Amino acid sequence: MELTSDERVELRALINGTEVSAAVGTRARIVLWHAEGRRKKDIAVLAAVSRPTVDLWLGRYADEGAAGLFNQRPGGPREQVPVRIRSRVLALTRISPPAETGLSHWSSREMAAYITRTEGVAVSHHWVANLWREHGLKPHRSGTFKLSKDPRFADKVADIVGLYLDPPGGAVVLSIDEKTQIQALDRTQPLLPIEFDATEQRTHDYVRHGTTNLFAALNVATGEVLGQCRPSRNGAAFLAFLKKAVAPHRGRQVHVVLDNLSTHTTPDVLAWLAANPNVRFHFTPTGSSWMNQIEIWFGIITRQAIRRGTFASVQVLIRSIRDYITGWNANPRPFTWTATANEILAKVQLVQTNVKKLVANNTK
C-alpha cells in the first residue's frame, strides 16, 4: 500500500491525537506498518490483534481513507439529508477544496464540517463516507484537479510547454524551486503496540532537530540536478542560488521555469536579471506548480530519501540530501514531457465545463 505524505500526516495525527480512542490509533498504526512493507502476520503481533482484524482495517482504509478507521454505528437510523446537500457534497468532492479551507484534499470529516458550516445542515463524516462509497469516489486516493485563476493561464502554458517540447537551439532550460522546512527527525524507536502509554508514545516516536530549505535546479535536457541547502528562504538566498545555477552555462541563453513567489521577484533579483539579459524567467500559472518539472524530482527525493530517513541533526539531513543528489547525477534521468499546450488547455476547458454543470445542478 502506497501512502502520500498527506495521508501519513493524517494517520500520525490519529496516533498522537488526544481526541481519538486508542483503538483508532492502533488501526492507524496498522495502516502505516503495512505501508512500510511489514508482513500482515507481524503487524497482527505488534498490534495484538488477529490477522483477519488486520485485513479488516486495511480494507476499510483502502475504501474510505482515515474515516474508515472509526467505529461504524450498527443499527442506527440513516441520516435524512436533503437532495441538494447530497448534490453539493458530490460536486465539491470532484474539485479541489476552496482556498479558504487550506486543504489539499477532502477527508470525510473535513467535508462534513464544511457542509455543516456553510450550508447550515449538520451531516456526519460517516454519512459523507457512505455517500462516497455509493458513488465510487475516493478523494484521498485520486486527488482533484485545481483550476488556475491566472488571467494569463493559456499564454503561460503555451510558453512553458514550448520550452519543454521545443527549446530554443543552444539554450539551456532550468526548472527551479525550493522545498522548504525539511525536518531532521531522529526516530528513536518503532511505533509501539496499543498497550503502551499513549503519552509516552508521542514523546518517543521521534525527536525533531531543526529544518533546512532545499533549493534545486533541474536541467530539463540532461536531468542533472543542482541542489543547495540553506537555513533561510528569502530573496537573497534565492539570488545566491540562482547565480550558482546559471554559472556553468556562461555565454548561453538560460531559460528558467519557476513560480511567481515574492522571493523570486525582489528588487535585487530584478536588478540582476536586467544586468544578465541572457537569463529569462518563465513563470508557471498561479496554482499550477505541477508544470514545474523540479516538482517531480522533489517528489522522488521525498519518497526515496527523506520521508523514512532518520536524521540525528540538520547536518546529517543535509549530508544525506547531498549524497542523494550525487547518486542521482551519476545516472541522471530527464523527464519526458508529452502533453502539448492544446491538450492541456482542452482538459482544463473540459473540467471547467463539468464544474459549471455541477454548480448549475446544485442551484436548481
Protein backbone atom coordinates (compact mmCIF):
# COMPACT_ATOMS: atom_id res chain seq x y z
CA MET A 1 0.00 0.00 0.00
CA GLU A 2 1.45 3.35 -1.07
CA LEU A 3 0.65 6.41 1.04
CA THR A 4 1.02 10.07 0.15
CA SER A 5 2.73 12.46 2.54
CA ASP A 6 -0.67 13.97 3.44
CA GLU A 7 -2.06 10.52 4.27
CA ARG A 8 0.91 9.78 6.51
CA VAL A 9 0.45 13.08 8.34
CA GLU A 10 -3.25 12.32 8.82
CA LEU A 11 -2.52 8.84 10.19
CA ARG A 12 0.14 10.11 12.60
CA ALA A 13 -2.31 12.72 13.82
CA LEU A 14 -4.69 9.89 14.71
CA ILE A 15 -1.90 8.02 16.51
CA ASN A 16 -0.78 11.03 18.53
CA GLY A 17 -4.13 12.78 18.93
CA THR A 18 -5.77 13.06 22.34
CA GLU A 19 -9.30 13.29 20.91
CA VAL A 20 -9.43 9.81 19.38
CA SER A 21 -9.52 6.44 21.07
CA ALA A 22 -6.51 4.19 21.48
CA ALA A 23 -8.25 1.66 19.24
CA VAL A 24 -8.34 4.13 16.35
CA GLY A 25 -4.67 4.91 16.94
CA THR A 26 -3.85 1.21 16.69
CA ARG A 27 -5.76 0.94 13.40
CA ALA A 28 -3.76 3.88 12.05
CA ARG A 29 -0.55 2.12 13.10
CA ILE A 30 -1.68 -1.00 11.24
CA VAL A 31 -2.00 1.01 8.02
CA LEU A 32 1.39 2.71 8.49
CA TRP A 33 3.12 -0.57 9.30
CA HIS A 34 1.66 -2.14 6.15
CA ALA A 35 2.81 0.83 4.06
CA GLU A 36 6.33 0.31 5.45
CA GLY A 37 6.32 -3.19 3.97
CA ARG A 38 5.75 -5.23 7.15
CA ARG A 39 4.05 -8.58 6.77
CA LYS A 40 0.46 -8.84 7.93
CA LYS A 41 1.20 -11.61 10.42
CA ASP A 42 3.92 -9.46 12.01
CA ILE A 43 1.54 -6.50 12.15
CA ALA A 44 -1.00 -8.65 13.94
CA VAL A 45 1.56 -9.49 16.63
CA LEU A 46 2.67 -5.85 17.03
CA ALA A 47 -0.92 -4.60 17.28
CA ALA A 48 -2.04 -7.51 19.47
CA VAL A 49 -4.92 -8.31 17.13
CA SER A 50 -5.86 -11.22 14.87
CA ARG A 51 -4.77 -11.48 11.24
CA PRO A 52 -8.39 -11.04 9.99
CA THR A 53 -8.56 -7.81 12.01
CA VAL A 54 -5.51 -6.50 10.17
CA ASP A 55 -7.23 -7.29 6.86
CA LEU A 56 -10.41 -5.62 8.08
CA TRP A 57 -8.82 -2.26 8.84
CA LEU A 58 -6.58 -2.26 5.78
CA GLY A 59 -9.67 -2.86 3.68
CA ARG A 60 -11.63 -0.14 5.46
CA TYR A 61 -8.78 2.33 4.89
CA ALA A 62 -8.48 1.40 1.20
CA ASP A 63 -12.20 2.05 0.73
CA GLU A 64 -12.79 5.09 2.93
CA GLY A 65 -9.48 6.58 3.96
CA ALA A 66 -8.99 7.65 7.57
CA ALA A 67 -12.76 7.80 8.11
CA GLY A 68 -12.88 4.04 7.72
CA LEU A 69 -10.76 3.56 10.84
CA PHE A 70 -13.52 4.85 13.12
CA ASN A 71 -16.22 2.61 14.53
CA GLN A 72 -19.34 2.34 12.44
CA ARG A 73 -22.68 2.79 14.13
CA PRO A 74 -24.52 -0.51 13.64
CA GLY A 75 -28.29 -0.44 13.58
CA GLY A 76 -28.58 3.33 13.74
CA PRO A 77 -31.13 5.18 11.60
CA ARG A 78 -29.97 6.57 8.27
CA GLU A 79 -29.42 10.30 8.25
CA GLN A 80 -32.12 12.19 6.38
CA VAL A 81 -30.18 14.64 4.21
CA PRO A 82 -31.80 16.88 1.56
CA VAL A 83 -31.09 16.06 -2.07
CA ARG A 84 -29.46 19.43 -2.63
CA ILE A 85 -26.91 18.65 0.11
CA ARG A 86 -26.10 15.29 -1.48
CA SER A 87 -25.54 17.07 -4.80
CA ARG A 88 -23.43 19.73 -3.11
CA VAL A 89 -21.15 17.13 -1.49
CA LEU A 90 -20.75 15.20 -4.75
CA ALA A 91 -19.89 18.39 -6.64
CA LEU A 92 -17.36 19.55 -4.05
CA THR A 93 -15.73 16.12 -3.95
CA ARG A 94 -14.82 16.37 -7.63
CA ILE A 95 -12.93 19.66 -7.34
CA SER A 96 -10.20 21.00 -5.06
CA PRO A 97 -11.29 22.32 -1.65
CA PRO A 98 -11.88 26.11 -1.58
CA ALA A 99 -8.72 28.10 -0.89
CA GLU A 100 -10.04 29.41 2.43
CA THR A 101 -10.09 25.88 3.86
CA GLY A 102 -6.32 25.48 3.47
CA LEU A 103 -6.88 21.83 2.47
CA SER A 104 -5.04 19.95 -0.27
CA HIS A 105 -7.77 17.28 -0.49
CA TRP A 106 -11.05 16.37 1.15
CA SER A 107 -11.41 13.95 4.04
CA SER A 108 -14.87 12.83 5.16
CA ARG A 109 -14.51 14.76 8.42
CA GLU A 110 -13.42 17.98 6.70
CA MET A 111 -16.24 17.67 4.17
CA ALA A 112 -18.81 17.11 6.91
CA ALA A 113 -17.53 20.11 8.87
CA TYR A 114 -17.51 22.31 5.74
CA ILE A 115 -21.07 21.39 4.76
CA THR A 116 -22.33 21.93 8.31
CA ARG A 117 -20.62 25.32 8.45
CA THR A 118 -21.56 26.65 5.01
CA GLU A 119 -24.96 25.05 4.38
CA GLY A 120 -26.33 25.06 7.91
CA VAL A 121 -27.22 21.36 7.60
CA ALA A 122 -25.49 19.00 10.03
CA VAL A 123 -24.10 15.84 8.44
CA SER A 124 -21.73 13.29 9.91
CA HIS A 125 -18.46 12.09 8.45
CA HIS A 126 -19.99 8.58 8.41
CA TRP A 127 -22.70 9.82 6.06
CA VAL A 128 -20.13 11.50 3.79
CA ALA A 129 -18.00 8.34 3.69
CA ASN A 130 -21.06 6.22 2.81
CA LEU A 131 -22.06 8.66 0.05
CA TRP A 132 -18.57 8.49 -1.44
CA ARG A 133 -18.66 4.70 -1.30
CA GLU A 134 -22.04 4.61 -3.06
CA HIS A 135 -20.66 6.71 -5.91
CA GLY A 136 -17.21 5.13 -6.06
CA LEU A 137 -15.44 8.32 -5.01
CA LYS A 138 -12.07 8.20 -3.25
CA PRO A 139 -10.76 11.78 -2.99
CA HIS A 140 -7.99 10.70 -0.59
CA ARG A 141 -6.65 8.47 -3.39
CA SER A 142 -7.48 10.14 -6.68
CA GLY A 143 -6.81 13.76 -5.78
CA THR A 144 -8.56 16.65 -7.51
CA PHE A 145 -7.84 18.99 -10.38
CA LYS A 146 -7.08 22.53 -9.28
CA LEU A 147 -8.28 25.17 -11.71
CA SER A 148 -5.95 28.12 -12.09
CA LYS A 149 -7.46 31.59 -11.89
CA ASP A 150 -4.49 33.18 -13.64
CA PRO A 151 -5.81 35.50 -16.39
CA ARG A 152 -2.73 34.63 -18.49
CA PHE A 153 -3.06 30.89 -17.93
CA ALA A 154 -3.20 29.96 -21.63
CA ASP A 155 -0.23 32.16 -22.56
CA LYS A 156 1.92 30.79 -19.73
CA VAL A 157 1.03 27.19 -20.55
CA ALA A 158 1.99 27.69 -24.19
CA ASP A 159 5.24 29.41 -23.19
CA ILE A 160 6.43 26.72 -20.76
CA VAL A 161 5.26 23.73 -22.80
CA GLY A 162 7.06 25.25 -25.77
CA LEU A 163 10.28 25.26 -23.76
CA TYR A 164 9.80 21.60 -22.79
CA LEU A 165 8.86 20.30 -26.24
CA ASP A 166 10.90 22.57 -28.49
CA PRO A 167 13.57 24.52 -26.57
CA PRO A 168 15.44 27.28 -28.44
CA GLY A 169 18.53 25.96 -30.18
CA GLY A 170 21.63 26.05 -27.99
CA ALA A 171 19.66 27.32 -24.98
CA VAL A 172 19.52 25.78 -21.50
CA VAL A 173 16.21 25.25 -19.72
CA LEU A 174 16.37 25.08 -15.92
CA SER A 175 13.46 24.20 -13.65
CA ILE A 176 13.99 25.85 -10.25
CA ASP A 177 12.11 25.83 -6.96
CA GLU A 178 12.58 25.38 -3.21
CA LYS A 179 11.42 22.60 -0.89
CA THR A 180 11.03 24.34 2.44
CA GLN A 181 11.20 23.33 6.10
CA ILE A 182 12.53 19.80 5.59
CA GLN A 183 12.66 18.32 9.10
CA ALA A 184 15.59 16.47 10.61
CA LEU A 185 13.85 13.68 12.52
CA ASP A 186 15.58 11.21 14.80
CA ARG A 187 13.25 8.22 15.02
CA THR A 188 14.27 6.77 18.34
CA GLN A 189 12.07 3.65 18.39
CA PRO A 190 9.46 1.86 16.25
CA LEU A 191 5.78 2.53 16.73
CA LEU A 192 4.52 0.72 19.81
CA PRO A 193 1.58 -1.64 20.31
CA ILE A 194 -1.60 -0.44 21.92
CA GLU A 195 -0.75 -1.48 25.46
CA PHE A 196 1.96 1.16 25.81
CA ASP A 197 1.08 4.51 27.28
CA ALA A 198 -0.12 6.94 24.61
CA THR A 199 1.69 9.93 26.12
CA GLU A 200 4.98 8.06 26.20
CA GLN A 201 4.39 7.03 22.59
CA ARG A 202 4.01 10.63 21.44
CA THR A 203 7.16 11.66 23.26
CA HIS A 204 9.46 8.97 21.94
CA ASP A 205 8.37 8.21 18.37
CA TYR A 206 10.81 10.79 17.04
CA VAL A 207 12.74 13.89 18.02
CA ARG A 208 12.94 16.98 15.83
CA HIS A 209 16.36 18.57 15.38
CA GLY A 210 15.51 21.54 13.17
CA THR A 211 14.84 22.15 9.49
CA THR A 212 16.55 23.14 6.27
CA ASN A 213 15.41 24.54 2.92
CA LEU A 214 16.45 22.80 -0.29
CA PHE A 215 16.98 24.95 -3.39
CA ALA A 216 17.17 22.82 -6.53
CA ALA A 217 17.59 23.35 -10.27
CA LEU A 218 16.81 20.64 -12.82
CA ASN A 219 18.45 20.76 -16.25
CA VAL A 220 15.44 19.77 -18.34
CA ALA A 221 17.56 18.40 -21.20
CA THR A 222 20.01 16.27 -19.20
CA GLY A 223 18.11 15.51 -15.98
CA GLU A 224 21.03 16.72 -13.84
CA VAL A 225 20.14 18.42 -10.58
CA LEU A 226 21.99 21.16 -8.72
CA GLY A 227 20.92 21.38 -5.08
CA GLN A 228 21.86 23.57 -2.16
CA CYS A 229 20.54 23.55 1.42
CA ARG A 230 20.15 26.90 3.16
CA PRO A 231 18.83 27.80 6.61
CA SER A 232 16.59 30.58 5.28
CA ARG A 233 14.31 31.06 2.32
CA ASN A 234 14.31 34.66 1.13
CA GLY A 235 15.22 36.77 -1.86
CA ALA A 236 18.91 36.91 -1.00
CA ALA A 237 19.14 33.11 -0.62
CA PHE A 238 17.28 32.58 -3.90
CA LEU A 239 19.50 35.04 -5.79
CA ALA A 240 22.65 33.39 -4.46
CA PHE A 241 21.41 30.00 -5.63
CA LEU A 242 20.27 31.39 -8.99
CA LYS A 243 23.77 32.74 -9.67
CA LYS A 244 25.24 29.33 -8.84
CA ALA A 245 22.72 27.54 -11.08
CA VAL A 246 23.41 29.61 -14.19
CA ALA A 247 27.19 29.94 -13.71
CA PRO A 248 28.04 26.66 -15.56
CA HIS A 249 26.15 27.94 -18.62
CA ARG A 250 28.03 31.19 -19.11
CA GLY A 251 27.72 32.54 -22.65
CA ARG A 252 24.48 30.66 -23.38
CA GLN A 253 20.83 31.65 -23.21
CA VAL A 254 19.28 30.31 -20.00
CA HIS A 255 15.50 29.95 -19.59
CA VAL A 256 14.35 29.45 -16.00
CA VAL A 257 10.94 27.93 -15.20
CA LEU A 258 9.72 28.88 -11.71
CA ASP A 259 6.66 30.06 -9.82
CA ASN A 260 5.93 33.70 -9.13
CA LEU A 261 6.77 33.89 -5.43
CA SER A 262 7.71 37.22 -3.93
CA THR A 263 11.21 35.86 -3.20
CA HIS A 264 11.68 35.31 -6.94
CA THR A 265 10.91 38.92 -7.86
CA THR A 266 12.66 41.05 -5.23
CA PRO A 267 14.32 44.28 -6.41
CA ASP A 268 17.75 42.64 -6.15
CA VAL A 269 16.63 39.71 -8.32
CA LEU A 270 15.09 42.03 -10.92
CA ALA A 271 18.24 44.17 -10.99
CA TRP A 272 20.38 41.07 -11.52
CA LEU A 273 18.12 39.95 -14.38
CA ALA A 274 18.45 43.35 -16.01
CA ALA A 275 22.25 43.05 -15.79
CA ASN A 276 22.14 39.50 -17.22
CA PRO A 277 19.85 39.60 -20.28
CA ASN A 278 20.87 36.07 -21.27
CA VAL A 279 18.77 34.76 -18.34
CA ARG A 280 14.99 34.87 -18.75
CA PHE A 281 12.28 33.87 -16.26
CA HIS A 282 9.17 31.90 -17.29
CA PHE A 283 6.56 31.86 -14.53
CA THR A 284 4.12 28.97 -14.14
CA PRO A 285 0.44 29.98 -13.93
CA THR A 286 -0.93 30.70 -10.48
CA GLY A 287 -1.83 27.46 -8.72
CA SER A 288 -0.10 25.34 -11.38
CA SER A 289 3.21 24.34 -9.83
CA TRP A 290 2.65 20.89 -11.42
CA MET A 291 4.03 22.43 -14.62
CA ASN A 292 7.43 22.90 -12.99
CA GLN A 293 9.42 19.71 -13.61
CA ILE A 294 11.55 20.11 -10.49
CA GLU A 295 8.39 19.31 -8.51
CA ILE A 296 8.54 15.79 -9.96
CA TRP A 297 12.08 15.41 -8.68
CA PHE A 298 11.12 16.77 -5.26
CA GLY A 299 8.50 14.01 -5.05
CA ILE A 300 11.13 11.38 -5.90
CA ILE A 301 13.72 12.50 -3.33
CA THR A 302 10.98 12.76 -0.69
CA ARG A 303 9.85 9.18 -1.26
CA GLN A 304 13.30 7.66 -1.65
CA ALA A 305 15.48 9.59 0.80
CA ILE A 306 13.63 11.94 3.14
CA ARG A 307 10.28 10.55 4.24
CA ARG A 308 11.53 7.42 6.02
CA GLY A 309 15.02 8.60 6.88
CA THR A 310 16.45 9.01 10.36
CA PHE A 311 18.49 12.20 10.80
CA ALA A 312 20.14 12.91 14.15
CA SER A 313 20.86 16.52 13.16
CA VAL A 314 20.32 19.03 10.39
CA GLN A 315 23.89 18.39 9.27
CA VAL A 316 23.12 14.67 8.83
CA LEU A 317 19.98 15.56 6.85
CA ILE A 318 21.91 17.92 4.57
CA ARG A 319 24.64 15.33 4.02
CA SER A 320 22.01 12.74 3.07
CA ILE A 321 20.45 15.14 0.57
CA ARG A 322 23.85 15.87 -0.96
CA ASP A 323 24.62 12.16 -1.23
CA TYR A 324 21.31 11.54 -2.93
CA ILE A 325 21.94 14.32 -5.47
CA THR A 326 25.42 12.93 -6.17
CA GLY A 327 23.93 9.50 -6.79
CA TRP A 328 21.19 10.94 -9.00
CA ASN A 329 23.68 12.84 -11.14
CA ALA A 330 25.81 9.72 -11.63
CA ASN A 331 22.98 8.47 -13.85
CA PRO A 332 20.64 11.43 -14.47
CA ARG A 333 17.23 10.73 -15.92
CA PRO A 334 15.49 13.62 -17.71
CA PHE A 335 11.72 13.66 -17.59
CA THR A 336 9.89 13.38 -20.90
CA TRP A 337 7.12 15.95 -21.30
CA THR A 338 4.48 14.67 -23.73
CA ALA A 339 1.38 16.86 -23.30
CA THR A 340 1.01 19.71 -25.76
CA ALA A 341 -0.34 23.10 -24.77
CA ASN A 342 -3.55 22.44 -26.72
CA GLU A 343 -4.09 19.14 -24.90
CA ILE A 344 -3.65 20.80 -21.50
CA LEU A 345 -5.98 23.68 -22.38
CA ALA A 346 -8.58 21.24 -23.73
CA LYS A 347 -8.52 19.29 -20.46
CA VAL A 348 -8.88 22.48 -18.42
CA GLN A 349 -11.80 23.57 -20.58
CA LEU A 350 -13.47 20.19 -20.05
CA VAL A 351 -13.02 20.43 -16.28
CA GLN A 352 -14.38 23.98 -16.25
CA THR A 353 -17.44 22.85 -18.21
CA ASN A 354 -18.08 19.95 -15.82
CA VAL A 355 -17.71 22.23 -12.79
CA LYS A 356 -20.21 24.72 -14.28
CA LYS A 357 -22.69 21.89 -14.85
CA LEU A 358 -22.29 20.66 -11.26
CA VAL A 359 -22.77 24.18 -9.88
CA ALA A 360 -25.83 24.68 -12.08
CA ASN A 361 -27.34 21.39 -10.87
CA ASN A 362 -26.75 22.39 -7.24
CA THR A 363 -28.62 25.68 -7.67
CA LYS A 364 -31.73 24.11 -9.18
